[in-house]
Protein backbone atom coordinates (compact mmCIF):
# COMPACT_ATOMS: atom_id res chain seq x y z
CA MET A 1 -157.40 184.29 -47.87
CA THR A 2 -160.73 183.36 -48.64
CA ALA A 3 -163.86 184.49 -46.19
CA PRO A 4 -165.09 181.96 -44.04
CA GLY A 5 -168.04 180.23 -45.98
CA GLY A 6 -167.77 182.93 -48.90
CA THR A 7 -170.26 185.22 -47.00
CA ALA A 8 -169.51 188.72 -46.22
CA LEU A 9 -172.18 191.28 -43.90
CA VAL A 10 -172.20 194.58 -45.29
CA VAL A 11 -172.86 197.05 -43.46
CA VAL A 12 -174.56 199.97 -45.34
CA ASP A 13 -174.17 203.52 -44.17
CA LEU A 14 -175.55 203.34 -40.87
CA GLN A 15 -174.21 206.82 -40.01
CA ASN A 16 -175.73 209.26 -37.29
CA ASP A 17 -177.35 211.53 -39.96
CA PHE A 18 -179.32 208.96 -41.12
CA CYS A 19 -180.43 206.69 -38.25
CA ALA A 20 -180.11 209.00 -35.48
CA GLY A 21 -180.88 212.05 -34.21
CA PRO A 22 -183.03 215.12 -35.31
CA LEU A 23 -181.87 214.96 -39.22
CA ALA A 24 -182.65 211.34 -39.49
CA ALA A 25 -185.87 211.49 -37.82
CA SER A 26 -187.13 214.72 -39.90
CA ARG A 27 -186.13 213.15 -42.99
CA TYR A 28 -187.77 209.47 -42.28
CA PRO A 29 -191.39 209.35 -43.42
CA GLY A 30 -192.17 206.36 -40.82
CA ASP A 31 -191.73 206.34 -37.17
CA PRO A 32 -188.21 207.22 -36.05
CA ALA A 33 -188.01 204.57 -33.54
CA ARG A 34 -187.81 202.08 -36.72
CA LEU A 35 -184.50 203.48 -37.18
CA GLU A 36 -183.46 202.76 -33.79
CA ARG A 37 -184.35 199.18 -34.74
CA VAL A 38 -183.15 198.81 -37.37
CA VAL A 39 -179.57 199.78 -35.97
CA ALA A 40 -179.78 197.88 -33.10
CA ASN A 41 -180.99 194.17 -35.30
CA THR A 42 -178.18 194.94 -37.37
CA SER A 43 -175.59 195.60 -34.35
CA ARG A 44 -176.62 192.31 -33.51
CA ALA A 45 -176.46 190.46 -36.66
CA VAL A 46 -172.55 191.77 -36.80
CA ALA A 47 -171.98 190.03 -33.69
CA ALA A 48 -173.70 186.79 -34.68
CA ALA A 49 -171.05 187.48 -38.09
CA ARG A 50 -168.20 187.63 -35.83
CA ALA A 51 -169.17 185.01 -34.00
CA ARG A 52 -169.26 182.38 -36.71
CA GLY A 53 -166.24 184.05 -38.55
CA ALA A 54 -167.80 185.45 -41.13
CA GLU A 55 -166.66 188.56 -42.66
CA ALA A 56 -168.46 192.02 -41.52
CA VAL A 57 -167.64 194.88 -44.05
CA PHE A 58 -168.42 198.63 -43.24
CA VAL A 59 -169.55 201.01 -45.99
CA ARG A 60 -169.58 204.69 -45.00
CA PHE A 61 -171.16 207.79 -47.09
CA LEU A 62 -169.39 211.07 -47.04
CA GLY A 63 -171.66 214.19 -48.75
CA ASP A 64 -169.27 216.82 -48.55
CA THR A 65 -169.91 219.48 -52.03
CA ARG A 66 -166.41 218.73 -52.78
CA HIS A 67 -167.21 215.29 -53.23
CA GLN A 68 -170.37 215.93 -55.43
CA LYS A 69 -170.38 215.68 -59.30
CA GLY A 70 -172.60 218.34 -61.58
CA SER A 71 -175.42 216.12 -61.17
CA TRP A 72 -175.60 215.81 -57.39
CA ARG A 73 -174.93 219.47 -56.79
CA ARG A 74 -178.13 220.30 -59.18
CA ARG A 75 -180.05 218.17 -57.77
CA ASP A 76 -179.60 219.46 -54.89
CA ALA A 77 -180.02 222.26 -55.61
CA ALA A 78 -183.72 222.08 -57.24
CA LEU A 79 -185.06 219.84 -54.54
CA GLY A 80 -183.49 222.11 -51.49
CA LYS A 81 -180.95 219.60 -50.34
CA ARG A 82 -178.00 220.14 -47.54
CA PRO A 83 -175.67 218.13 -47.63
CA LYS A 84 -174.84 215.05 -44.99
CA CYS A 85 -172.56 213.14 -43.01
CA LEU A 86 -169.58 215.75 -43.72
CA GLU A 87 -166.46 214.43 -43.67
CA GLY A 88 -164.74 214.80 -39.72
CA SER A 89 -169.00 215.26 -38.14
CA TRP A 90 -170.92 213.53 -35.86
CA GLY A 91 -173.41 213.07 -38.54
CA ALA A 92 -170.60 210.96 -40.43
CA GLU A 93 -169.94 208.51 -37.49
CA PHE A 94 -171.21 204.87 -36.91
CA ALA A 95 -174.34 205.17 -34.80
CA ALA A 96 -173.56 203.71 -31.61
CA GLY A 97 -173.76 199.95 -31.81
CA ALA A 98 -172.58 199.79 -35.26
CA GLU A 99 -168.96 200.59 -34.97
CA PRO A 100 -166.36 198.22 -36.91
CA GLU A 101 -163.92 196.93 -34.75
CA ALA A 102 -160.15 197.15 -35.03
CA GLY A 103 -158.70 195.51 -38.10
CA GLU A 104 -162.52 195.40 -39.90
CA ALA A 105 -162.40 196.54 -43.21
CA VAL A 106 -164.15 199.97 -44.14
CA PHE A 107 -164.89 201.57 -47.26
CA THR A 108 -165.84 205.01 -48.20
CA LYS A 109 -168.28 206.37 -50.91
CA ARG A 110 -167.88 209.81 -51.33
CA ALA A 111 -171.17 211.17 -53.08
CA CYS A 112 -172.41 208.28 -54.84
CA PHE A 113 -175.07 205.41 -53.65
CA ASP A 114 -173.31 202.08 -54.56
CA ALA A 115 -170.24 200.90 -52.66
CA PHE A 116 -169.03 199.12 -55.51
CA LEU A 117 -168.02 202.49 -56.88
CA ALA A 118 -165.87 203.12 -53.26
CA GLU A 119 -162.38 202.33 -53.83
CA GLY A 120 -161.09 198.93 -53.23
CA PHE A 121 -164.27 197.80 -51.99
CA GLU A 122 -164.65 194.74 -55.14
CA ARG A 123 -160.96 194.28 -54.76
CA TYR A 124 -161.10 193.28 -51.31
CA LEU A 125 -164.38 191.25 -51.68
CA VAL A 126 -162.85 189.10 -54.79
CA GLY A 127 -159.62 189.14 -52.96
CA ARG A 128 -161.23 187.19 -49.79
CA GLY A 129 -163.11 184.91 -52.07
CA VAL A 130 -166.21 186.46 -50.97
CA GLN A 131 -169.15 184.99 -53.25
CA HIS A 132 -172.44 185.56 -51.31
CA LEU A 133 -173.14 189.53 -50.16
CA VAL A 134 -175.93 189.83 -46.83
CA PHE A 135 -176.70 193.20 -46.81
CA ALA A 136 -177.72 195.42 -43.68
CA GLY A 137 -178.15 199.25 -43.24
CA LEU A 138 -179.67 202.64 -45.21
CA PHE A 139 -181.82 202.28 -46.98
CA ALA A 140 -182.76 199.48 -48.72
CA ASP A 141 -184.63 201.87 -51.49
CA VAL A 142 -181.28 204.26 -52.03
CA CYS A 143 -177.71 202.89 -51.39
CA VAL A 144 -178.08 198.96 -50.13
CA ASP A 145 -180.66 198.54 -53.62
CA SER A 146 -178.07 200.17 -55.64
CA THR A 147 -174.83 198.07 -54.61
CA ALA A 148 -176.91 195.60 -54.45
CA ARG A 149 -177.86 195.98 -57.75
CA THR A 150 -174.13 195.90 -59.25
CA ALA A 151 -173.62 193.10 -57.00
CA PHE A 152 -176.26 190.95 -58.67
CA GLN A 153 -174.47 192.07 -62.44
CA LYS A 154 -171.21 191.31 -60.91
CA GLY A 155 -172.53 187.41 -59.84
CA PHE A 156 -172.42 187.97 -56.44
CA HIS A 157 -175.36 185.56 -54.70
CA ILE A 158 -177.47 188.30 -52.31
CA THR A 159 -179.40 188.16 -49.51
CA VAL A 160 -181.16 190.91 -47.59
CA LEU A 161 -181.65 191.08 -44.00
CA ARG A 162 -185.68 192.43 -43.70
CA ASP A 163 -185.23 193.56 -40.11
CA CYS A 164 -181.95 195.35 -40.53
CA THR A 165 -182.65 197.75 -43.18
CA THR A 166 -185.85 200.37 -44.14
CA GLY A 167 -186.42 202.26 -47.00
CA LEU A 168 -186.77 206.07 -46.99
CA HIS A 169 -188.79 206.68 -50.09
CA LEU A 170 -190.35 203.37 -50.87
CA PRO A 171 -192.47 200.55 -48.69
CA ASP A 172 -190.30 197.90 -47.65
CA GLU A 173 -191.98 195.58 -48.49
CA GLN A 174 -192.22 196.80 -51.82
CA ILE A 175 -187.71 197.23 -52.53
CA LEU A 176 -187.31 194.00 -50.59
CA GLY A 177 -189.75 192.04 -52.94
CA PHE A 178 -188.50 194.13 -55.90
CA MET A 179 -184.75 193.17 -55.10
CA GLY A 180 -186.32 189.22 -54.91
CA ARG A 181 -187.60 189.28 -58.11
CA LEU A 182 -185.05 191.35 -59.93
CA TYR A 183 -181.70 189.79 -58.11
CA GLY A 184 -183.05 186.89 -57.02
CA ALA A 185 -182.04 188.10 -53.12
CA ARG A 186 -183.22 185.76 -50.49
CA ILE A 187 -184.95 188.03 -47.58
CA THR A 188 -184.44 186.77 -43.98
CA THR A 189 -183.73 188.42 -40.65
CA GLY A 190 -180.95 189.16 -38.75
CA ASP A 191 -181.70 186.53 -36.28
CA GLN A 192 -181.74 183.72 -38.37
CA ALA A 193 -177.60 183.62 -38.53
CA GLU A 194 -178.04 179.73 -39.45
CA VAL A 195 -179.52 180.72 -42.57
CA TRP A 196 -177.91 183.91 -43.86
CA SER A 197 -174.30 183.00 -42.71
CA ARG A 198 -174.58 180.48 -45.85
CA GLY A 199 -174.81 180.94 -49.46
CA PRO A 200 -177.87 180.78 -51.28
CA GLY A 201 -178.77 176.66 -52.23
CA GLU A 202 -176.58 175.50 -49.46
CA GLU A 203 -173.85 177.35 -50.46
CA GLU A 204 -173.11 175.01 -53.18
CA ALA A 205 -174.63 178.03 -55.50
CA CYS A 206 -172.07 180.16 -54.64
CA ARG A 207 -168.86 178.14 -55.05
CA THR A 208 -170.12 176.97 -58.64
CA PRO A 209 -170.69 179.04 -61.46
CA PRO A 210 -174.23 178.70 -62.87
CA SER A 211 -173.87 177.14 -66.70
CA ARG A 212 -174.16 180.22 -69.06
CA THR A 213 -177.46 179.86 -71.48
CA VAL A 214 -177.80 182.16 -74.61
CA ALA A 215 -181.04 184.49 -74.50
CA SER A 216 -182.57 184.25 -78.01
CA PRO A 217 -183.44 187.67 -79.53
CA GLY A 218 -185.76 189.58 -77.76
CA ALA A 219 -185.88 187.96 -75.07
CA SER A 220 -186.13 189.59 -71.83
CA VAL A 221 -184.00 189.41 -68.71
């Protein structure tokens, strides 16, 4: 089965521990109201995707220590970090207004950033004929970027909704500019559904693979 337009809106980690409550507010370096706006804007973008018959795919994070590998545990011990989004906790639940509806795909990352490491994520996208990923969610410079980086290398076209995400460690404009330069990501806003619901290049680029060129020795990428 093919996704309408080959586009999927991927909602990344809009969970309470990241965007609601005192823990989220204490970790986010900016105005906590920004997190509230990200949730509200993403909720509207999801509604727009549903109205247009586009895929809405949800990704969630679980940070339980039993899911963590040695490098993750060592980092947390060194920096005094406590695990977030514990399985079965309120913090792991999707934020109010950003919950998936019955029948919508949900994929779980277990102590990792990249949604392509979630079981079945890539297989689902390929099986649905998705070629263009539109990103919303948290955080722009962590899990959104990690997933967009892999997506680009696997041949997916990328759009990022600037008002539906925000950076945790880097300024928003810096990380969005980085993704635009390195991945060719199209940057727009959630209320521009007529733009992001189509693939870059009037959808043609999403349907037709670009011609391959062979880089000369020493050429940069």
